[in-house]
Amino acid sequence: MDINTDLSKLTVSSLNDRAWSGCVVLFLRCCSPELDLLSCYKDQQEKFSIFKAIKLTLTDVAGGLDGYEILKLHDADPFLGVELKFTEIVPCRRFLDSYVSGSLLQFFSQHVSRLLSLPDGLGMNATLKAGTHTLDHSIQDPELCLQHIYQSQPMRLRDDEVTQLEQQLQNSYIPPIQTRKEVPKNCFLFQKRLFDDRPLTAGDQQRFASHVGRDWKRVGRALQKNCRALKGTAIDNLAYEYEREGLYEQAYQLLGRFIQSEGRNAKLGRLISALEEAKLISMAEIMLDIQPRE
């Protein structure tokens, strides 16, 4: 299809039927005095933590690791520019939805605070552009935004620095060398570290509900394999019953149902395994309060 085609005549449904790709640039800035995001990224010791926070945020808001890639991070003083290429329309739509709702900045703030050991609640500002279009001006019209993104094809391959950071991130998730026989019965392994396999608490329930967002159903489906209370239509029923209360309450009730049903067997290790199965590594790190590597 000719990129100069008048995309104003295309609907999202028609774009779904075509080979789809597009480019968008997310400009990020911290408005809290505790952090100069751009200076932090330029610092070689903190660069990886900022990149990891961006990557984890994208995983949270796009619903996984597929359908997009980071092409470049660059100085757009006072912003840090993040150039993204989307190769599927569904992750791009989820990205836009999270941007509109504010959950993208909320996730990013949480990840940055945790990885840099800063106070919670860092204020963040953002601007979104596709080519010459500032999407913030038309953000309430997702079809128009998708058309602008589709028109904005990437002008470059992935930057070498991003490739190196991606490799560093992958290396940090190397599967554990230890075998199951070496793990004590009251412990479990995550990222080559041992953790106490304790019963889930009300605090765990609140932390899970505060951070998992729309992905709570994916975790529920991973948990239901070994939990009778979550079998069948139980997860969909929870979604319907607590729809008005929102995502927090739906996630809170999910884990509550798991804890109530499994009793002493509702262990932290089972939740972490479910998060890994759902490819929500960042959520697992949050639940375990894992601090950045030295």
C-alpha atoms as a PDB file:
ATOM      1  CA  MET A   1       0.000   0.000   0.000  1.00  0.00           C
ATOM      2  CA  ASP A   2       1.309   3.483  -0.934  1.00  0.00           C
ATOM      3  CA  ILE A   3       2.283   5.329   2.241  1.00  0.00           C
ATOM      4  CA  ASN A   4       0.906   8.532   0.715  1.00  0.00           C
ATOM      5  CA  THR A   5      -2.605   7.074   0.550  1.00  0.00           C
ATOM      6  CA  ASP A   6      -5.265   9.259   2.163  1.00  0.00           C
ATOM      7  CA  LEU A   7      -5.540   7.405   5.477  1.00  0.00           C
ATOM      8  CA  SER A   8      -8.398   9.593   6.653  1.00  0.00           C
ATOM      9  CA  LYS A   9     -10.633   7.262   4.647  1.00  0.00           C
ATOM     10  CA  LEU A  10      -9.403   4.157   6.458  1.00  0.00           C
ATOM     11  CA  THR A  11     -11.035   2.801   9.588  1.00  0.00           C
ATOM     12  CA  VAL A  12      -9.301   0.843  12.321  1.00  0.00           C
ATOM     13  CA  SER A  13     -11.082  -2.302  11.167  1.00  0.00           C
ATOM     14  CA  SER A  14      -9.689  -1.909   7.657  1.00  0.00           C
ATOM     15  CA  LEU A  15      -6.200  -1.313   9.056  1.00  0.00           C
ATOM     16  CA  ASN A  16      -6.536  -4.539  11.027  1.00  0.00           C
ATOM     17  CA  ASP A  17      -6.755  -6.448   7.770  1.00  0.00           C
ATOM     18  CA  ARG A  18      -3.498  -5.054   6.378  1.00  0.00           C
ATOM     19  CA  ALA A  19       0.170  -5.497   7.169  1.00  0.00           C
ATOM     20  CA  TRP A  20       0.483  -2.806   9.823  1.00  0.00           C
ATOM     21  CA  SER A  21       3.419  -0.857  11.221  1.00  0.00           C
ATOM     22  CA  GLY A  22       4.049   2.645  12.415  1.00  0.00           C
ATOM     23  CA  CYS A  23       6.285   4.839  14.487  1.00  0.00           C
ATOM     24  CA  VAL A  24       5.654   7.085  17.476  1.00  0.00           C
ATOM     25  CA  VAL A  25       7.950   9.083  19.751  1.00  0.00           C
ATOM     26  CA  LEU A  26       7.184   9.289  23.463  1.00  0.00           C
ATOM     27  CA  PHE A  27       8.786  12.269  25.204  1.00  0.00           C
ATOM     28  CA  LEU A  28       9.203  11.749  28.954  1.00  0.00           C
ATOM     29  CA  ARG A  29      10.144  14.174  31.704  1.00  0.00           C
ATOM     30  CA  CYS A  30      10.051  13.965  35.488  1.00  0.00           C
ATOM     31  CA  CYS A  31       8.503  17.076  37.061  1.00  0.00           C
ATOM     32  CA  SER A  32       9.593  16.120  40.588  1.00  0.00           C
ATOM     33  CA  PRO A  33      12.786  17.700  41.960  1.00  0.00           C
ATOM     34  CA  GLU A  34      14.136  14.295  42.994  1.00  0.00           C
ATOM     35  CA  LEU A  35      14.974  13.273  39.422  1.00  0.00           C
ATOM     36  CA  ASP A  36      16.284  14.809  36.208  1.00  0.00           C
ATOM     37  CA  LEU A  37      15.319  11.995  33.862  1.00  0.00           C
ATOM     38  CA  LEU A  38      17.452  13.112  30.915  1.00  0.00           C
ATOM     39  CA  SER A  39      20.596  13.626  33.017  1.00  0.00           C
ATOM     40  CA  CYS A  40      19.990  10.283  34.680  1.00  0.00           C
ATOM     41  CA  TYR A  41      19.860   8.508  31.311  1.00  0.00           C
ATOM     42  CA  LYS A  42      23.137  10.155  30.286  1.00  0.00           C
ATOM     43  CA  ASP A  43      24.792   8.759  33.411  1.00  0.00           C
ATOM     44  CA  GLN A  44      26.398   5.438  32.462  1.00  0.00           C
ATOM     45  CA  GLN A  45      25.666   3.924  35.872  1.00  0.00           C
ATOM     46  CA  GLU A  46      21.960   4.781  35.744  1.00  0.00           C
ATOM     47  CA  LYS A  47      21.306   4.432  32.002  1.00  0.00           C
ATOM     48  CA  PHE A  48      20.382   0.742  32.255  1.00  0.00           C
ATOM     49  CA  SER A  49      17.908   1.364  35.090  1.00  0.00           C
ATOM     50  CA  ILE A  50      16.099   4.026  33.040  1.00  0.00           C
ATOM     51  CA  PHE A  51      16.015   1.751  29.992  1.00  0.00           C
ATOM     52  CA  LYS A  52      14.709  -1.131  32.087  1.00  0.00           C
ATOM     53  CA  ALA A  53      11.975   1.088  33.545  1.00  0.00           C
ATOM     54  CA  ILE A  54      10.899   2.062  30.008  1.00  0.00           C
ATOM     55  CA  LYS A  55      10.950  -1.545  28.837  1.00  0.00           C
ATOM     56  CA  LEU A  56       8.946  -2.776  31.825  1.00  0.00           C
ATOM     57  CA  THR A  57       6.432   0.019  31.335  1.00  0.00           C
ATOM     58  CA  LEU A  58       5.935  -0.928  27.683  1.00  0.00           C
ATOM     59  CA  THR A  59       5.459  -4.560  28.685  1.00  0.00           C
ATOM     60  CA  ASP A  60       2.820  -3.491  31.189  1.00  0.00           C
ATOM     61  CA  VAL A  61       0.854  -1.211  28.874  1.00  0.00           C
ATOM     62  CA  ALA A  62       1.172  -3.097  25.567  1.00  0.00           C
ATOM     63  CA  GLY A  63       0.185  -6.433  27.106  1.00  0.00           C
ATOM     64  CA  GLY A  64       3.474  -8.287  26.635  1.00  0.00           C
ATOM     65  CA  LEU A  65       6.720  -8.238  24.681  1.00  0.00           C
ATOM     66  CA  ASP A  66       5.433  -8.627  21.119  1.00  0.00           C
ATOM     67  CA  GLY A  67       4.297  -6.158  18.484  1.00  0.00           C
ATOM     68  CA  TYR A  68       6.712  -3.306  19.160  1.00  0.00           C
ATOM     69  CA  GLU A  69      10.366  -2.405  19.658  1.00  0.00           C
ATOM     70  CA  ILE A  70      12.404   0.507  20.936  1.00  0.00           C
ATOM     71  CA  LEU A  71      14.411   2.041  18.084  1.00  0.00           C
ATOM     72  CA  LYS A  72      16.231   4.856  19.832  1.00  0.00           C
ATOM     73  CA  LEU A  73      16.466   6.913  23.011  1.00  0.00           C
ATOM     74  CA  HIS A  74      17.655  10.472  22.476  1.00  0.00           C
ATOM     75  CA  ASP A  75      18.160  13.884  24.029  1.00  0.00           C
ATOM     76  CA  ALA A  76      15.105  16.103  23.484  1.00  0.00           C
ATOM     77  CA  ASP A  77      15.935  18.532  26.291  1.00  0.00           C
ATOM     78  CA  PRO A  78      14.183  18.801  28.703  1.00  0.00           C
ATOM     79  CA  PHE A  79      12.592  15.493  27.633  1.00  0.00           C
ATOM     80  CA  LEU A  80      13.994  12.028  27.058  1.00  0.00           C
ATOM     81  CA  GLY A  81      12.748  10.880  23.651  1.00  0.00           C
ATOM     82  CA  VAL A  82      11.773   7.234  23.162  1.00  0.00           C
ATOM     83  CA  GLU A  83      11.244   6.278  19.523  1.00  0.00           C
ATOM     84  CA  LEU A  84       8.998   3.219  19.156  1.00  0.00           C
ATOM     85  CA  LYS A  85       8.106   1.062  16.189  1.00  0.00           C
ATOM     86  CA  PHE A  86       4.824  -0.855  16.356  1.00  0.00           C
ATOM     87  CA  THR A  87       4.373  -3.864  14.079  1.00  0.00           C
ATOM     88  CA  GLU A  88       0.895  -4.841  15.304  1.00  0.00           C
ATOM     89  CA  ILE A  89      -2.131  -2.639  15.789  1.00  0.00           C
ATOM     90  CA  VAL A  90      -3.424  -4.241  19.012  1.00  0.00           C
ATOM     91  CA  PRO A  91      -0.357  -3.417  21.170  1.00  0.00           C
ATOM     92  CA  CYS A  92      -0.375   0.084  19.673  1.00  0.00           C
ATOM     93  CA  ARG A  93      -4.013   0.566  20.633  1.00  0.00           C
ATOM     94  CA  ARG A  94      -3.285  -0.654  24.177  1.00  0.00           C
ATOM     95  CA  PHE A  95      -0.358   1.764  24.332  1.00  0.00           C
ATOM     96  CA  LEU A  96      -2.605   4.660  23.302  1.00  0.00           C
ATOM     97  CA  ASP A  97      -5.321   3.636  25.771  1.00  0.00           C
ATOM     98  CA  SER A  98      -2.822   3.562  28.633  1.00  0.00           C
ATOM     99  CA  TYR A  99      -1.446   6.947  27.584  1.00  0.00           C
ATOM    100  CA  VAL A 100      -4.930   8.470  27.635  1.00  0.00           C
ATOM    101  CA  SER A 101      -5.847   6.925  30.998  1.00  0.00           C
ATOM    102  CA  GLY A 102      -2.577   7.969  32.628  1.00  0.00           C
ATOM    103  CA  SER A 103      -1.617   4.405  33.517  1.00  0.00           C
ATOM    104  CA  LEU A 104       1.478   4.586  31.272  1.00  0.00           C
ATOM    105  CA  LEU A 105       2.981   7.405  33.326  1.00  0.00           C
ATOM    106  CA  GLN A 106       1.850   5.726  36.533  1.00  0.00           C
ATOM    107  CA  PHE A 107       3.645   2.496  35.625  1.00  0.00           C
ATOM    108  CA  PHE A 108       6.746   4.383  34.509  1.00  0.00           C
ATOM    109  CA  SER A 109       6.854   6.382  37.728  1.00  0.00           C
ATOM    110  CA  GLN A 110       6.544   3.194  39.798  1.00  0.00           C
ATOM    111  CA  HIS A 111       9.318   1.406  37.918  1.00  0.00           C
ATOM    112  CA  VAL A 112      11.694   4.388  38.013  1.00  0.00           C
ATOM    113  CA  SER A 113      11.104   4.913  41.721  1.00  0.00           C
ATOM    114  CA  ARG A 114      11.813   1.252  42.476  1.00  0.00           C
ATOM    115  CA  LEU A 115      14.857   0.856  40.224  1.00  0.00           C
ATOM    116  CA  LEU A 116      16.514   4.093  41.360  1.00  0.00           C
ATOM    117  CA  SER A 117      15.471   3.730  45.018  1.00  0.00           C
ATOM    118  CA  LEU A 118      13.537   7.001  44.939  1.00  0.00           C
ATOM    119  CA  PRO A 119      10.337   7.934  46.799  1.00  0.00           C
ATOM    120  CA  ASP A 120       7.045   6.739  45.336  1.00  0.00           C
ATOM    121  CA  GLY A 121       4.797   9.177  43.532  1.00  0.00           C
ATOM    122  CA  LEU A 122       7.290  10.876  41.213  1.00  0.00           C
ATOM    123  CA  GLY A 123       5.386  13.253  38.944  1.00  0.00           C
ATOM    124  CA  MET A 124       5.850  12.619  35.226  1.00  0.00           C
ATOM    125  CA  ASN A 125       5.017  14.605  32.104  1.00  0.00           C
ATOM    126  CA  ALA A 126       4.796  13.242  28.576  1.00  0.00           C
ATOM    127  CA  THR A 127       4.169  14.286  24.992  1.00  0.00           C
ATOM    128  CA  LEU A 128       3.378  11.918  22.139  1.00  0.00           C
ATOM    129  CA  LYS A 129       4.243  12.584  18.502  1.00  0.00           C
ATOM    130  CA  ALA A 130       3.945  10.719  15.210  1.00  0.00           C
ATOM    131  CA  GLY A 131       5.864  12.447  12.448  1.00  0.00           C
ATOM    132  CA  THR A 132       4.832  16.104  12.469  1.00  0.00           C
ATOM    133  CA  HIS A 133       1.634  15.381  14.416  1.00  0.00           C
ATOM    134  CA  THR A 134       1.420  15.979  18.163  1.00  0.00           C
ATOM    135  CA  LEU A 135      -1.000  13.229  19.143  1.00  0.00           C
ATOM    136  CA  ASP A 136      -1.961  14.943  22.393  1.00  0.00           C
ATOM    137  CA  HIS A 137      -4.111  17.308  20.292  1.00  0.00           C
ATOM    138  CA  SER A 138      -6.213  14.417  18.966  1.00  0.00           C
ATOM    139  CA  ILE A 139      -5.693  11.821  21.686  1.00  0.00           C
ATOM    140  CA  GLN A 140      -9.424  11.409  22.277  1.00  0.00           C
ATOM    141  CA  ASP A 141      -9.754  10.150  18.687  1.00  0.00           C
ATOM    142  CA  PRO A 142      -7.874   6.823  18.710  1.00  0.00           C
ATOM    143  CA  GLU A 143      -8.603   6.070  15.046  1.00  0.00           C
ATOM    144  CA  LEU A 144      -7.012   9.335  13.951  1.00  0.00           C
ATOM    145  CA  CYS A 145      -4.002   8.702  16.206  1.00  0.00           C
ATOM    146  CA  LEU A 146      -3.562   5.224  14.748  1.00  0.00           C
ATOM    147  CA  GLN A 147      -3.684   6.670  11.254  1.00  0.00           C
ATOM    148  CA  HIS A 148      -0.991   9.236  12.101  1.00  0.00           C
ATOM    149  CA  ILE A 149       1.186   6.502  13.605  1.00  0.00           C
ATOM    150  CA  TYR A 150       0.670   4.322  10.514  1.00  0.00           C
ATOM    151  CA  GLN A 151       1.718   7.224   8.297  1.00  0.00           C
ATOM    152  CA  SER A 152       4.866   7.745  10.363  1.00  0.00           C
ATOM    153  CA  GLN A 153       7.126   4.951   9.170  1.00  0.00           C
ATOM    154  CA  PRO A 154      10.492   4.505  10.966  1.00  0.00           C
ATOM    155  CA  MET A 155      13.433   6.228   9.288  1.00  0.00           C
ATOM    156  CA  ARG A 156      16.129   4.127  10.961  1.00  0.00           C
ATOM    157  CA  LEU A 157      17.006   0.679  12.244  1.00  0.00           C
ATOM    158  CA  ARG A 158      17.374   0.048  15.957  1.00  0.00           C
ATOM    159  CA  ASP A 159      20.187   2.079  17.495  1.00  0.00           C
ATOM    160  CA  ASP A 160      23.303   0.154  18.538  1.00  0.00           C
ATOM    161  CA  GLU A 161      23.033   1.484  22.086  1.00  0.00           C
ATOM    162  CA  VAL A 162      19.491   0.156  22.379  1.00  0.00           C
ATOM    163  CA  THR A 163      20.661  -3.224  21.047  1.00  0.00           C
ATOM    164  CA  GLN A 164      23.322  -3.356  23.766  1.00  0.00           C
ATOM    165  CA  LEU A 165      20.823  -2.392  26.472  1.00  0.00           C
ATOM    166  CA  GLU A 166      18.357  -5.019  25.218  1.00  0.00           C
ATOM    167  CA  GLN A 167      21.086  -7.658  25.434  1.00  0.00           C
ATOM    168  CA  GLN A 168      22.028  -6.530  28.934  1.00  0.00           C
ATOM    169  CA  LEU A 169      18.389  -6.813  29.967  1.00  0.00           C
ATOM    170  CA  GLN A 170      18.072 -10.313  28.480  1.00  0.00           C
ATOM    171  CA  ASN A 171      21.240 -11.421  30.261  1.00  0.00           C
ATOM    172  CA  SER A 172      19.775 -10.270  33.569  1.00  0.00           C
ATOM    173  CA  TYR A 173      16.963 -12.813  33.068  1.00  0.00           C
ATOM    174  CA  ILE A 174      19.140 -15.854  32.352  1.00  0.00           C
ATOM    175  CA  PRO A 175      17.335 -18.979  33.664  1.00  0.00           C
ATOM    176  CA  PRO A 176      18.655 -20.158  37.029  1.00  0.00           C
ATOM    177  CA  ILE A 177      21.524 -22.616  36.985  1.00  0.00           C
ATOM    178  CA  GLN A 178      20.379 -24.366  40.129  1.00  0.00           C
ATOM    179  CA  THR A 179      18.227 -27.478  39.865  1.00  0.00           C
ATOM    180  CA  ARG A 180      15.013 -28.037  41.769  1.00  0.00           C
ATOM    181  CA  LYS A 181      16.801 -30.533  44.015  1.00  0.00           C
ATOM    182  CA  GLU A 182      18.974 -27.706  45.351  1.00  0.00           C
ATOM    183  CA  VAL A 183      15.990 -25.558  46.369  1.00  0.00           C
ATOM    184  CA  PRO A 184      14.719 -26.053  49.955  1.00  0.00           C
ATOM    185  CA  LYS A 185      11.072 -27.020  50.264  1.00  0.00           C
ATOM    186  CA  ASN A 186      10.159 -23.754  51.958  1.00  0.00           C
ATOM    187  CA  CYS A 187      11.786 -21.616  49.207  1.00  0.00           C
ATOM    188  CA  PHE A 188      11.484 -20.892  45.493  1.00  0.00           C
ATOM    189  CA  LEU A 189      13.808 -19.542  42.806  1.00  0.00           C
ATOM    190  CA  PHE A 190      13.388 -16.338  40.851  1.00  0.00           C
ATOM    191  CA  GLN A 191      16.182 -14.814  38.763  1.00  0.00           C
ATOM    192  CA  LYS A 192      18.738 -17.170  40.362  1.00  0.00           C
ATOM    193  CA  ARG A 193      17.795 -16.001  43.869  1.00  0.00           C
ATOM    194  CA  LEU A 194      16.092 -17.887  46.685  1.00  0.00           C
ATOM    195  CA  PHE A 195      12.956 -16.457  48.276  1.00  0.00           C
ATOM    196  CA  ASP A 196      10.925 -17.628  51.253  1.00  0.00           C
ATOM    197  CA  ASP A 197       7.807 -19.396  49.973  1.00  0.00           C
ATOM    198  CA  ARG A 198       5.536 -17.857  52.577  1.00  0.00           C
ATOM    199  CA  PRO A 199       1.729 -17.646  52.566  1.00  0.00           C
ATOM    200  CA  LEU A 200       0.271 -14.664  50.749  1.00  0.00           C
ATOM    201  CA  THR A 201      -0.824 -11.782  52.983  1.00  0.00           C
ATOM    202  CA  ALA A 202      -3.323  -8.931  52.811  1.00  0.00           C
ATOM    203  CA  GLY A 203      -0.370  -6.680  51.977  1.00  0.00           C
ATOM    204  CA  ASP A 204       0.482  -8.877  48.989  1.00  0.00           C
ATOM    205  CA  GLN A 205      -3.141  -8.686  47.902  1.00  0.00           C
ATOM    206  CA  GLN A 206      -3.092  -4.878  48.000  1.00  0.00           C
ATOM    207  CA  ARG A 207       0.251  -4.605  46.212  1.00  0.00           C
ATOM    208  CA  PHE A 208      -0.908  -6.981  43.477  1.00  0.00           C
ATOM    209  CA  ALA A 209      -4.147  -5.076  42.948  1.00  0.00           C
ATOM    210  CA  SER A 210      -2.352  -1.703  42.892  1.00  0.00           C
ATOM    211  CA  HIS A 211       0.061  -2.649  40.102  1.00  0.00           C
ATOM    212  CA  VAL A 212      -1.274  -5.449  37.887  1.00  0.00           C
ATOM    213  CA  GLY A 213      -3.892  -3.360  36.064  1.00  0.00           C
ATOM    214  CA  ARG A 214      -5.734  -4.975  33.167  1.00  0.00           C
ATOM    215  CA  ASP A 215      -3.382  -7.984  33.255  1.00  0.00           C
ATOM    216  CA  TRP A 216      -5.145  -9.473  36.289  1.00  0.00           C
ATOM    217  CA  LYS A 217      -7.099 -11.846  34.058  1.00  0.00           C
ATOM    218  CA  ARG A 218      -3.900 -13.259  32.543  1.00  0.00           C
ATOM    219  CA  VAL A 219      -2.599 -13.996  36.029  1.00  0.00           C
ATOM    220  CA  GLY A 220      -5.935 -15.531  36.987  1.00  0.00           C
ATOM    221  CA  ARG A 221      -5.826 -17.919  34.044  1.00  0.00           C
ATOM    222  CA  ALA A 222      -2.321 -18.996  35.072  1.00  0.00           C
ATOM    223  CA  LEU A 223      -3.493 -19.550  38.655  1.00  0.00           C
ATOM    224  CA  GLN A 224      -6.680 -21.397  37.718  1.00  0.00           C
ATOM    225  CA  LYS A 225      -4.788 -24.460  36.477  1.00  0.00           C
ATOM    226  CA  ASN A 226      -4.258 -25.552  40.076  1.00  0.00           C
ATOM    227  CA  CYS A 227      -7.089 -23.716  41.829  1.00  0.00           C
ATOM    228  CA  ARG A 228     -10.598 -25.129  41.729  1.00  0.00           C
ATOM    229  CA  ALA A 229     -12.183 -21.825  42.806  1.00  0.00           C
ATOM    230  CA  LEU A 230     -10.896 -20.119  39.641  1.00  0.00           C
ATOM    231  CA  LYS A 231     -11.956 -22.833  37.195  1.00  0.00           C
ATOM    232  CA  GLY A 232     -14.550 -22.432  34.473  1.00  0.00           C
ATOM    233  CA  THR A 233     -16.200 -19.028  34.272  1.00  0.00           C
ATOM    234  CA  ALA A 234     -15.020 -17.833  37.689  1.00  0.00           C
ATOM    235  CA  ILE A 235     -12.648 -15.208  36.275  1.00  0.00           C
ATOM    236  CA  ASP A 236     -15.200 -13.796  33.852  1.00  0.00           C
ATOM    237  CA  ASN A 237     -17.750 -13.759  36.673  1.00  0.00           C
ATOM    238  CA  LEU A 238     -15.368 -11.707  38.832  1.00  0.00           C
ATOM    239  CA  ALA A 239     -14.855  -9.263  35.973  1.00  0.00           C
ATOM    240  CA  TYR A 240     -18.605  -8.822  35.588  1.00  0.00           C
ATOM    241  CA  GLU A 241     -19.404  -8.664  39.307  1.00  0.00           C
ATOM    242  CA  TYR A 242     -16.806  -5.974  40.073  1.00  0.00           C
ATOM    243  CA  GLU A 243     -16.862  -4.120  36.759  1.00  0.00           C
ATOM    244  CA  ARG A 244     -18.149  -0.903  38.328  1.00  0.00           C
ATOM    245  CA  GLU A 245     -15.494  -0.960  41.060  1.00  0.00           C
ATOM    246  CA  GLY A 246     -12.692  -1.085  38.475  1.00  0.00           C
ATOM    247  CA  LEU A 247      -9.458  -2.976  37.869  1.00  0.00           C
ATOM    248  CA  TYR A 248      -8.089  -2.620  41.398  1.00  0.00           C
ATOM    249  CA  GLU A 249     -11.092  -4.315  42.979  1.00  0.00           C
ATOM    250  CA  GLN A 250     -11.219  -7.025  40.293  1.00  0.00           C
ATOM    251  CA  ALA A 251      -7.565  -7.894  40.884  1.00  0.00           C
ATOM    252  CA  TYR A 252      -8.006  -7.681  44.662  1.00  0.00           C
ATOM    253  CA  GLN A 253     -10.952 -10.071  44.581  1.00  0.00           C
ATOM    254  CA  LEU A 254      -9.100 -12.479  42.275  1.00  0.00           C
ATOM    255  CA  LEU A 255      -6.212 -12.935  44.687  1.00  0.00           C
ATOM    256  CA  GLY A 256      -8.634 -12.969  47.605  1.00  0.00           C
ATOM    257  CA  ARG A 257     -10.560 -15.824  45.996  1.00  0.00           C
ATOM    258  CA  PHE A 258      -7.279 -17.692  45.465  1.00  0.00           C
ATOM    259  CA  ILE A 259      -6.180 -17.186  49.086  1.00  0.00           C
ATOM    260  CA  GLN A 260      -9.563 -18.160  50.508  1.00  0.00           C
ATOM    261  CA  SER A 261      -9.755 -21.305  48.399  1.00  0.00           C
ATOM    262  CA  GLU A 262      -6.176 -22.522  48.795  1.00  0.00           C
ATOM    263  CA  GLY A 263      -5.639 -21.605  52.446  1.00  0.00           C
ATOM    264  CA  ARG A 264      -2.097 -22.386  53.591  1.00  0.00           C
ATOM    265  CA  ASN A 265      -1.240 -23.513  50.066  1.00  0.00           C
ATOM    266  CA  ALA A 266      -1.786 -20.013  48.682  1.00  0.00           C
ATOM    267  CA  LYS A 267       1.932 -19.339  48.612  1.00  0.00           C
ATOM    268  CA  LEU A 268       3.962 -16.477  47.192  1.00  0.00           C
ATOM    269  CA  GLY A 269       5.850 -18.888  44.934  1.00  0.00           C
ATOM    270  CA  ARG A 270       2.644 -19.911  43.163  1.00  0.00           C
ATOM    271  CA  LEU A 271       1.798 -16.287  42.433  1.00  0.00           C
ATOM    272  CA  ILE A 272       5.312 -15.580  41.126  1.00  0.00           C
ATOM    273  CA  SER A 273       5.115 -18.659  38.873  1.00  0.00           C
ATOM    274  CA  ALA A 274       1.788 -17.406  37.512  1.00  0.00           C
ATOM    275  CA  LEU A 275       3.295 -13.978  36.847  1.00  0.00           C
ATOM    276  CA  GLU A 276       6.228 -15.573  35.019  1.00  0.00           C
ATOM    277  CA  GLU A 277       3.848 -17.688  32.939  1.00  0.00           C
ATOM    278  CA  ALA A 278       1.923 -14.534  32.039  1.00  0.00           C
ATOM    279  CA  LYS A 279       5.240 -12.863  31.081  1.00  0.00           C
ATOM    280  CA  LEU A 280       4.750 -10.202  33.758  1.00  0.00           C
ATOM    281  CA  ILE A 281       8.314 -10.191  35.042  1.00  0.00           C
ATOM    282  CA  SER A 282       8.061  -6.593  36.216  1.00  0.00           C
ATOM    283  CA  MET A 283       5.070  -7.488  38.379  1.00  0.00           C
ATOM    284  CA  ALA A 284       6.995 -10.390  39.898  1.00  0.00           C
ATOM    285  CA  GLU A 285       9.829  -8.001  40.765  1.00  0.00           C
ATOM    286  CA  ILE A 286       7.357  -5.607  42.365  1.00  0.00           C
ATOM    287  CA  MET A 287       5.791  -8.394  44.444  1.00  0.00           C
ATOM    288  CA  LEU A 288       9.245  -9.471  45.628  1.00  0.00           C
ATOM    289  CA  ASP A 289      10.437  -5.886  46.117  1.00  0.00           C
ATOM    290  CA  ILE A 290      13.553  -6.592  44.082  1.00  0.00           C
ATOM    291  CA  GLN A 291      15.906  -3.660  44.065  1.00  0.00           C
ATOM    292  CA  PRO A 292      18.138  -2.688  41.106  1.00  0.00           C
ATOM    293  CA  ARG A 293      21.321  -4.631  40.526  1.00  0.00           C
ATOM    294  CA  GLU A 294      24.575  -3.003  41.549  1.00  0.00           C
END
